[in-house]
């Protein structure tokens, strides 16, 4: 069974604002994550969160293991995402 992906509104808006070719690359990677999430997700320094690298972009996600849901909470360029978190 594959995992489900849920996007928080702000993360989804940041994705939609990207140029089409970058957005397509992100969507392809997210589809790969659905099949085998822990091949791509890395532990993040905040407890209970994971990060996903997609070229110059990063996604910060929480994982609901019981229901197999990955919730992408923050998505942005690598130079901005960590500043937004702290």
PDB file of N, CA and C in Angstrom:
ATOM      1  N   UNK A   1       0.839  -1.186   0.000  1.00  0.00           N
ATOM      2  CA  UNK A   1       0.000   0.000   0.000  1.00  0.00           C
ATOM      3  C   UNK A   1       0.886   1.252   0.000  1.00  0.00           C
ATOM      4  N   UNK A   2       0.550   2.184  -0.848  1.00  0.00           N
ATOM      5  CA  UNK A   2       1.321   3.420  -0.905  1.00  0.00           C
ATOM      6  C   UNK A   2       0.856   4.386   0.178  1.00  0.00           C
ATOM      7  N   UNK A   3       1.710   5.313   0.474  1.00  0.00           N
ATOM      8  CA  UNK A   3       1.413   6.343   1.452  1.00  0.00           C
ATOM      9  C   UNK A   3       0.640   7.464   0.788  1.00  0.00           C
ATOM     10  N   UNK A   4      -0.115   8.204   1.588  1.00  0.00           N
ATOM     11  CA  UNK A   4      -0.832   9.379   1.089  1.00  0.00           C
ATOM     12  C   UNK A   4      -0.009  10.624   1.399  1.00  0.00           C
ATOM     13  N   UNK A   5      -0.129  11.613   0.545  1.00  0.00           N
ATOM     14  CA  UNK A   5       0.550  12.886   0.748  1.00  0.00           C
ATOM     15  C   UNK A   5      -0.503  13.966   0.979  1.00  0.00           C
ATOM     16  N   UNK A   6      -0.327  14.742   2.029  1.00  0.00           N
ATOM     17  CA  UNK A   6      -1.185  15.898   2.296  1.00  0.00           C
ATOM     18  C   UNK A   6      -0.303  17.133   2.347  1.00  0.00           C
ATOM     19  N   UNK A   7      -0.776  18.209   1.750  1.00  0.00           N
ATOM     20  CA  UNK A   7      -0.038  19.473   1.715  1.00  0.00           C
ATOM     21  C   UNK A   7      -0.741  20.504   2.584  1.00  0.00           C
ATOM     22  N   UNK A   8      -0.004  21.184   3.422  1.00  0.00           N
ATOM     23  CA  UNK A   8      -0.544  22.352   4.113  1.00  0.00           C
ATOM     24  C   UNK A   8      -0.701  23.458   3.079  1.00  0.00           C
ATOM     25  N   UNK A   9      -1.644  24.360   3.300  1.00  0.00           N
ATOM     26  CA  UNK A   9      -1.972  25.392   2.306  1.00  0.00           C
ATOM     27  C   UNK A   9      -0.770  26.226   1.875  1.00  0.00           C
ATOM     28  N   UNK A  10       0.017  26.687   2.820  1.00  0.00           N
ATOM     29  CA  UNK A  10       1.162  27.552   2.506  1.00  0.00           C
ATOM     30  C   UNK A  10       2.207  26.783   1.683  1.00  0.00           C
ATOM     31  N   UNK A  11       2.449  25.533   2.029  1.00  0.00           N
ATOM     32  CA  UNK A  11       3.410  24.719   1.279  1.00  0.00           C
ATOM     33  C   UNK A  11       2.919  24.502  -0.149  1.00  0.00           C
ATOM     34  N   UNK A  12       1.637  24.247  -0.302  1.00  0.00           N
ATOM     35  CA  UNK A  12       1.071  24.036  -1.631  1.00  0.00           C
ATOM     36  C   UNK A  12       1.136  25.314  -2.459  1.00  0.00           C
ATOM     37  N   UNK A  13       0.896  26.443  -1.837  1.00  0.00           N
ATOM     38  CA  UNK A  13       0.988  27.716  -2.562  1.00  0.00           C
ATOM     39  C   UNK A  13       2.413  27.955  -3.056  1.00  0.00           C
ATOM     40  N   UNK A  14       3.403  27.665  -2.215  1.00  0.00           N
ATOM     41  CA  UNK A  14       4.797  27.821  -2.639  1.00  0.00           C
ATOM     42  C   UNK A  14       5.116  26.906  -3.820  1.00  0.00           C
ATOM     43  N   UNK A  15       4.563  25.711  -3.827  1.00  0.00           N
ATOM     44  CA  UNK A  15       4.760  24.795  -4.953  1.00  0.00           C
ATOM     45  C   UNK A  15       4.113  25.354  -6.211  1.00  0.00           C
ATOM     46  N   UNK A  16       2.903  25.843  -6.093  1.00  0.00           N
ATOM     47  CA  UNK A  16       2.171  26.356  -7.255  1.00  0.00           C
ATOM     48  C   UNK A  16       2.824  27.603  -7.849  1.00  0.00           C
ATOM     49  N   UNK A  17       3.591  28.332  -7.050  1.00  0.00           N
ATOM     50  CA  UNK A  17       4.257  29.542  -7.533  1.00  0.00           C
ATOM     51  C   UNK A  17       5.531  29.252  -8.331  1.00  0.00           C
ATOM     52  N   UNK A  18       5.977  28.011  -8.335  1.00  0.00           N
ATOM     53  CA  UNK A  18       7.209  27.652  -9.045  1.00  0.00           C
ATOM     54  C   UNK A  18       6.984  27.582 -10.551  1.00  0.00           C
ATOM     55  N   UNK A  19       8.061  27.745 -11.335  1.00  0.00           N
ATOM     56  CA  UNK A  19       7.949  27.504 -12.776  1.00  0.00           C
ATOM     57  C   UNK A  19       7.530  26.053 -13.038  1.00  0.00           C
ATOM     58  N   UNK A  20       6.861  25.836 -14.141  1.00  0.00           N
ATOM     59  CA  UNK A  20       6.280  24.520 -14.441  1.00  0.00           C
ATOM     60  C   UNK A  20       7.328  23.410 -14.423  1.00  0.00           C
ATOM     61  N   UNK A  21       8.495  23.623 -15.009  1.00  0.00           N
ATOM     62  CA  UNK A  21       9.484  22.544 -15.085  1.00  0.00           C
ATOM     63  C   UNK A  21       9.994  22.135 -13.701  1.00  0.00           C
ATOM     64  N   UNK A  22      10.088  23.073 -12.781  1.00  0.00           N
ATOM     65  CA  UNK A  22      10.509  22.726 -11.419  1.00  0.00           C
ATOM     66  C   UNK A  22       9.368  22.038 -10.685  1.00  0.00           C
ATOM     67  N   UNK A  23       8.162  22.533 -10.866  1.00  0.00           N
ATOM     68  CA  UNK A  23       6.988  21.929 -10.224  1.00  0.00           C
ATOM     69  C   UNK A  23       6.840  20.467 -10.643  1.00  0.00           C
ATOM     70  N   UNK A  24       7.032  20.183 -11.930  1.00  0.00           N
ATOM     71  CA  UNK A  24       6.929  18.803 -12.414  1.00  0.00           C
ATOM     72  C   UNK A  24       7.981  17.911 -11.764  1.00  0.00           C
ATOM     73  N   UNK A  25       9.174  18.439 -11.592  1.00  0.00           N
ATOM     74  CA  UNK A  25      10.246  17.676 -10.947  1.00  0.00           C
ATOM     75  C   UNK A  25       9.886  17.352  -9.496  1.00  0.00           C
ATOM     76  N   UNK A  26       9.315  18.325  -8.805  1.00  0.00           N
ATOM     77  CA  UNK A  26       8.901  18.122  -7.416  1.00  0.00           C
ATOM     78  C   UNK A  26       7.805  17.065  -7.341  1.00  0.00           C
ATOM     79  N   UNK A  27       6.823  17.153  -8.221  1.00  0.00           N
ATOM     80  CA  UNK A  27       5.710  16.193  -8.216  1.00  0.00           C
ATOM     81  C   UNK A  27       6.219  14.779  -8.490  1.00  0.00           C
ATOM     82  N   UNK A  28       7.170  14.627  -9.399  1.00  0.00           N
ATOM     83  CA  UNK A  28       7.750  13.300  -9.669  1.00  0.00           C
ATOM     84  C   UNK A  28       8.414  12.729  -8.424  1.00  0.00           C
ATOM     85  N   UNK A  29       9.155  13.577  -7.711  1.00  0.00           N
ATOM     86  CA  UNK A  29       9.835  13.102  -6.501  1.00  0.00           C
ATOM     87  C   UNK A  29       8.821  12.729  -5.427  1.00  0.00           C
ATOM     88  N   UNK A  30       7.782  13.526  -5.284  1.00  0.00           N
ATOM     89  CA  UNK A  30       6.744  13.222  -4.294  1.00  0.00           C
ATOM     90  C   UNK A  30       6.074  11.892  -4.627  1.00  0.00           C
ATOM     91  N   UNK A  31       5.843  11.615  -5.905  1.00  0.00           N
ATOM     92  CA  UNK A  31       5.273  10.326  -6.303  1.00  0.00           C
ATOM     93  C   UNK A  31       6.197   9.177  -5.910  1.00  0.00           C
ATOM     94  N   UNK A  32       7.499   9.383  -6.016  1.00  0.00           N
ATOM     95  CA  UNK A  32       8.459   8.356  -5.605  1.00  0.00           C
ATOM     96  C   UNK A  32       8.417   8.161  -4.090  1.00  0.00           C
ATOM     97  N   UNK A  33       8.222   9.238  -3.369  1.00  0.00           N
ATOM     98  CA  UNK A  33       8.159   9.174  -1.909  1.00  0.00           C
ATOM     99  C   UNK A  33       6.960   8.351  -1.458  1.00  0.00           C
ATOM    100  N   UNK A  34       5.866   8.431  -2.185  1.00  0.00           N
ATOM    101  CA  UNK A  34       4.662   7.662  -1.834  1.00  0.00           C
ATOM    102  C   UNK A  34       4.945   6.168  -1.798  1.00  0.00           C
ATOM    103  N   UNK A  35       5.795   5.704  -2.693  1.00  0.00           N
ATOM    104  CA  UNK A  35       6.082   4.275  -2.799  1.00  0.00           C
ATOM    105  C   UNK A  35       7.076   3.794  -1.738  1.00  0.00           C
ATOM    106  N   UNK A  36       8.074   4.606  -1.434  1.00  0.00           N
ATOM    107  CA  UNK A  36       9.120   4.196  -0.502  1.00  0.00           C
ATOM    108  C   UNK A  36       9.616   5.424   0.267  1.00  0.00           C
ATOM    109  N   UNK A  37       8.831   5.924   1.212  1.00  0.00           N
ATOM    110  CA  UNK A  37       9.134   7.212   1.827  1.00  0.00           C
ATOM    111  C   UNK A  37      10.482   7.284   2.532  1.00  0.00           C
ATOM    112  N   UNK A  38      10.895   6.247   3.184  1.00  0.00           N
ATOM    113  CA  UNK A  38      12.084   6.368   4.020  1.00  0.00           C
ATOM    114  C   UNK A  38      13.375   6.140   3.252  1.00  0.00           C
ATOM    115  N   UNK A  39      13.255   5.930   1.967  1.00  0.00           N
ATOM    116  CA  UNK A  39      14.427   5.972   1.097  1.00  0.00           C
ATOM    117  C   UNK A  39      14.793   7.431   0.824  1.00  0.00           C
ATOM    118  N   UNK A  40      13.809   8.311   0.843  1.00  0.00           N
ATOM    119  CA  UNK A  40      13.999   9.718   0.498  1.00  0.00           C
ATOM    120  C   UNK A  40      13.962  10.659   1.700  1.00  0.00           C
ATOM    121  N   UNK A  41      13.147  10.348   2.688  1.00  0.00           N
ATOM    122  CA  UNK A  41      13.005  11.235   3.845  1.00  0.00           C
ATOM    123  C   UNK A  41      14.173  11.058   4.808  1.00  0.00           C
ATOM    124  N   UNK A  42      14.656  12.169   5.331  1.00  0.00           N
ATOM    125  CA  UNK A  42      15.735  12.158   6.317  1.00  0.00           C
ATOM    126  C   UNK A  42      15.213  12.780   7.605  1.00  0.00           C
ATOM    127  N   UNK A  43      15.715  12.288   8.738  1.00  0.00           N
ATOM    128  CA  UNK A  43      15.325  12.905  10.010  1.00  0.00           C
ATOM    129  C   UNK A  43      15.734  14.365  10.004  1.00  0.00           C
ATOM    130  N   UNK A  44      14.852  15.183  10.531  1.00  0.00           N
ATOM    131  CA  UNK A  44      15.118  16.611  10.655  1.00  0.00           C
ATOM    132  C   UNK A  44      15.446  16.891  12.114  1.00  0.00           C
ATOM    133  N   UNK A  45      16.114  17.988  12.378  1.00  0.00           N
ATOM    134  CA  UNK A  45      16.564  18.288  13.735  1.00  0.00           C
ATOM    135  C   UNK A  45      15.422  18.498  14.723  1.00  0.00           C
ATOM    136  N   UNK A  46      14.255  18.842  14.244  1.00  0.00           N
ATOM    137  CA  UNK A  46      13.100  18.961  15.140  1.00  0.00           C
ATOM    138  C   UNK A  46      12.457  17.587  15.293  1.00  0.00           C
ATOM    139  N   UNK A  47      12.197  17.206  16.511  1.00  0.00           N
ATOM    140  CA  UNK A  47      11.663  15.881  16.795  1.00  0.00           C
ATOM    141  C   UNK A  47      10.336  15.662  16.080  1.00  0.00           C
ATOM    142  N   UNK A  48      10.222  14.537  15.415  1.00  0.00           N
ATOM    143  CA  UNK A  48       8.983  14.177  14.746  1.00  0.00           C
ATOM    144  C   UNK A  48       8.847  14.698  13.329  1.00  0.00           C
ATOM    145  N   UNK A  49       9.867  15.363  12.824  1.00  0.00           N
ATOM    146  CA  UNK A  49       9.809  15.906  11.472  1.00  0.00           C
ATOM    147  C   UNK A  49      10.882  15.286  10.593  1.00  0.00           C
ATOM    148  N   UNK A  50      10.608  15.317   9.314  1.00  0.00           N
ATOM    149  CA  UNK A  50      11.533  14.791   8.314  1.00  0.00           C
ATOM    150  C   UNK A  50      11.723  15.842   7.234  1.00  0.00           C
ATOM    151  N   UNK A  51      12.855  15.756   6.535  1.00  0.00           N
ATOM    152  CA  UNK A  51      13.074  16.665   5.414  1.00  0.00           C
ATOM    153  C   UNK A  51      13.251  15.852   4.145  1.00  0.00           C
ATOM    154  N   UNK A  52      12.889  16.472   3.065  1.00  0.00           N
ATOM    155  CA  UNK A  52      13.007  15.869   1.745  1.00  0.00           C
ATOM    156  C   UNK A  52      13.737  16.854   0.856  1.00  0.00           C
ATOM    157  N   UNK A  53      14.812  16.401   0.240  1.00  0.00           N
ATOM    158  CA  UNK A  53      15.576  17.246  -0.678  1.00  0.00           C
ATOM    159  C   UNK A  53      15.103  17.002  -2.100  1.00  0.00           C
ATOM    160  N   UNK A  54      14.819  18.089  -2.795  1.00  0.00           N
ATOM    161  CA  UNK A  54      14.403  18.011  -4.198  1.00  0.00           C
ATOM    162  C   UNK A  54      15.167  19.104  -4.931  1.00  0.00           C
ATOM    163  N   UNK A  55      16.354  18.783  -5.402  1.00  0.00           N
ATOM    164  CA  UNK A  55      17.198  19.789  -6.039  1.00  0.00           C
ATOM    165  C   UNK A  55      17.511  20.898  -5.057  1.00  0.00           C
ATOM    166  N   UNK A  56      17.210  22.132  -5.428  1.00  0.00           N
ATOM    167  CA  UNK A  56      17.456  23.284  -4.562  1.00  0.00           C
ATOM    168  C   UNK A  56      16.294  23.568  -3.619  1.00  0.00           C
ATOM    169  N   UNK A  57      15.315  22.700  -3.578  1.00  0.00           N
ATOM    170  CA  UNK A  57      14.127  22.910  -2.748  1.00  0.00           C
ATOM    171  C   UNK A  57      14.083  21.877  -1.634  1.00  0.00           C
ATOM    172  N   UNK A  58      13.402  22.242  -0.560  1.00  0.00           N
ATOM    173  CA  UNK A  58      13.261  21.363   0.592  1.00  0.00           C
ATOM    174  C   UNK A  58      11.807  21.337   1.035  1.00  0.00           C
ATOM    175  N   UNK A  59      11.412  20.174   1.523  1.00  0.00           N
ATOM    176  CA  UNK A  59      10.095  20.012   2.135  1.00  0.00           C
ATOM    177  C   UNK A  59      10.317  19.507   3.554  1.00  0.00           C
ATOM    178  N   UNK A  60       9.588  20.059   4.490  1.00  0.00           N
ATOM    179  CA  UNK A  60       9.600  19.590   5.871  1.00  0.00           C
ATOM    180  C   UNK A  60       8.244  18.938   6.111  1.00  0.00           C
ATOM    181  N   UNK A  61       8.280  17.703   6.593  1.00  0.00           N
ATOM    182  CA  UNK A  61       7.041  16.936   6.714  1.00  0.00           C
ATOM    183  C   UNK A  61       6.952  16.232   8.062  1.00  0.00           C
ATOM    184  N   UNK A  62       5.727  15.998   8.467  1.00  0.00           N
ATOM    185  CA  UNK A  62       5.469  15.119   9.601  1.00  0.00           C
ATOM    186  C   UNK A  62       4.883  13.829   9.036  1.00  0.00           C
ATOM    187  N   UNK A  63       5.020  12.753   9.800  1.00  0.00           N
ATOM    188  CA  UNK A  63       4.598  11.445   9.306  1.00  0.00           C
ATOM    189  C   UNK A  63       3.625  10.818  10.293  1.00  0.00           C
ATOM    190  N   UNK A  64       2.478  10.402   9.777  1.00  0.00           N
ATOM    191  CA  UNK A  64       1.487   9.663  10.556  1.00  0.00           C
ATOM    192  C   UNK A  64       1.658   8.191  10.181  1.00  0.00           C
ATOM    193  N   UNK A  65       2.398   7.450  11.003  1.00  0.00           N
ATOM    194  CA  UNK A  65       2.721   6.060  10.691  1.00  0.00           C
ATOM    195  C   UNK A  65       1.488   5.169  10.708  1.00  0.00           C
ATOM    196  N   UNK A  66       0.580   5.417  11.612  1.00  0.00           N
ATOM    197  CA  UNK A  66      -0.598   4.571  11.753  1.00  0.00           C
ATOM    198  C   UNK A  66      -1.483   4.624  10.510  1.00  0.00           C
ATOM    199  N   UNK A  67      -1.681   5.823   9.960  1.00  0.00           N
ATOM    200  CA  UNK A  67      -2.561   5.986   8.803  1.00  0.00           C
ATOM    201  C   UNK A  67      -1.813   6.103   7.480  1.00  0.00           C
ATOM    202  N   UNK A  68      -0.475   6.006   7.534  1.00  0.00           N
ATOM    203  CA  UNK A  68       0.380   6.098   6.348  1.00  0.00           C
ATOM    204  C   UNK A  68       0.137   7.395   5.572  1.00  0.00           C
ATOM    205  N   UNK A  69       0.284   8.507   6.303  1.00  0.00           N
ATOM    206  CA  UNK A  69       0.106   9.829   5.699  1.00  0.00           C
ATOM    207  C   UNK A  69       1.363  10.660   5.954  1.00  0.00           C
ATOM    208  N   UNK A  70       1.870  11.270   4.898  1.00  0.00           N
ATOM    209  CA  UNK A  70       2.985  12.208   4.993  1.00  0.00           C
ATOM    210  C   UNK A  70       2.399  13.594   4.786  1.00  0.00           C
ATOM    211  N   UNK A  71       2.577  14.461   5.773  1.00  0.00           N
ATOM    212  CA  UNK A  71       2.002  15.808   5.723  1.00  0.00           C
ATOM    213  C   UNK A  71       3.117  16.818   5.462  1.00  0.00           C
ATOM    214  N   UNK A  72       3.120  17.389   4.272  1.00  0.00           N
ATOM    215  CA  UNK A  72       4.133  18.372   3.914  1.00  0.00           C
ATOM    216  C   UNK A  72       3.697  19.716   4.476  1.00  0.00           C
ATOM    217  N   UNK A  73       4.438  20.161   5.478  1.00  0.00           N
ATOM    218  CA  UNK A  73       4.045  21.362   6.202  1.00  0.00           C
ATOM    219  C   UNK A  73       4.701  22.616   5.660  1.00  0.00           C
ATOM    220  N   UNK A  74       5.947  22.509   5.224  1.00  0.00           N
ATOM    221  CA  UNK A  74       6.680  23.661   4.708  1.00  0.00           C
ATOM    222  C   UNK A  74       7.402  23.226   3.447  1.00  0.00           C
ATOM    223  N   UNK A  75       7.339  24.059   2.411  1.00  0.00           N
ATOM    224  CA  UNK A  75       8.054  23.792   1.165  1.00  0.00           C
ATOM    225  C   UNK A  75       8.583  25.112   0.632  1.00  0.00           C
ATOM    226  N   UNK A  76       9.895  25.152   0.365  1.00  0.00           N
ATOM    227  CA  UNK A  76      10.478  26.390  -0.153  1.00  0.00           C
ATOM    228  C   UNK A  76      11.895  26.108  -0.639  1.00  0.00           C
ATOM    229  N   UNK A  77      12.520  27.131  -1.174  1.00  0.00           N
ATOM    230  CA  UNK A  77      13.906  27.049  -1.625  1.00  0.00           C
ATOM    231  C   UNK A  77      14.807  26.805  -0.415  1.00  0.00           C
ATOM    232  N   UNK A  78      15.886  26.079  -0.609  1.00  0.00           N
ATOM    233  CA  UNK A  78      16.754  25.721   0.521  1.00  0.00           C
ATOM    234  C   UNK A  78      17.326  26.937   1.237  1.00  0.00           C
ATOM    235  N   UNK A  79      17.490  28.053   0.541  1.00  0.00           N
ATOM    236  CA  UNK A  79      18.019  29.256   1.170  1.00  0.00           C
ATOM    237  C   UNK A  79      17.015  29.982   2.045  1.00  0.00           C
ATOM    238  N   UNK A  80      15.738  29.683   1.873  1.00  0.00           N
ATOM    239  CA  UNK A  80      14.690  30.367   2.640  1.00  0.00           C
ATOM    240  C   UNK A  80      14.015  29.483   3.674  1.00  0.00           C
ATOM    241  N   UNK A  81      13.964  28.203   3.426  1.00  0.00           N
ATOM    242  CA  UNK A  81      13.130  27.341   4.267  1.00  0.00           C
ATOM    243  C   UNK A  81      13.582  27.321   5.721  1.00  0.00           C
ATOM    244  N   UNK A  82      14.872  27.257   5.956  1.00  0.00           N
ATOM    245  CA  UNK A  82      15.349  27.175   7.333  1.00  0.00           C
ATOM    246  C   UNK A  82      15.175  28.505   8.057  1.00  0.00           C
ATOM    247  N   UNK A  83      15.270  29.608   7.332  1.00  0.00           N
ATOM    248  CA  UNK A  83      15.025  30.923   7.935  1.00  0.00           C
ATOM    249  C   UNK A  83      13.566  31.045   8.360  1.00  0.00           C
ATOM    250  N   UNK A  84      12.678  30.448   7.581  1.00  0.00           N
ATOM    251  CA  UNK A  84      11.247  30.503   7.909  1.00  0.00           C
ATOM    252  C   UNK A  84      10.926  29.687   9.152  1.00  0.00           C
ATOM    253  N   UNK A  85      11.719  28.663   9.413  1.00  0.00           N
ATOM    254  CA  UNK A  85      11.445  27.792  10.547  1.00  0.00           C
ATOM    255  C   UNK A  85      11.945  28.362  11.870  1.00  0.00           C
ATOM    256  N   UNK A  86      12.933  29.225  11.809  1.00  0.00           N
ATOM    257  CA  UNK A  86      13.553  29.712  13.055  1.00  0.00           C
ATOM    258  C   UNK A  86      13.337  31.172  13.262  1.00  0.00           C
TER     259      UNK A  86
END
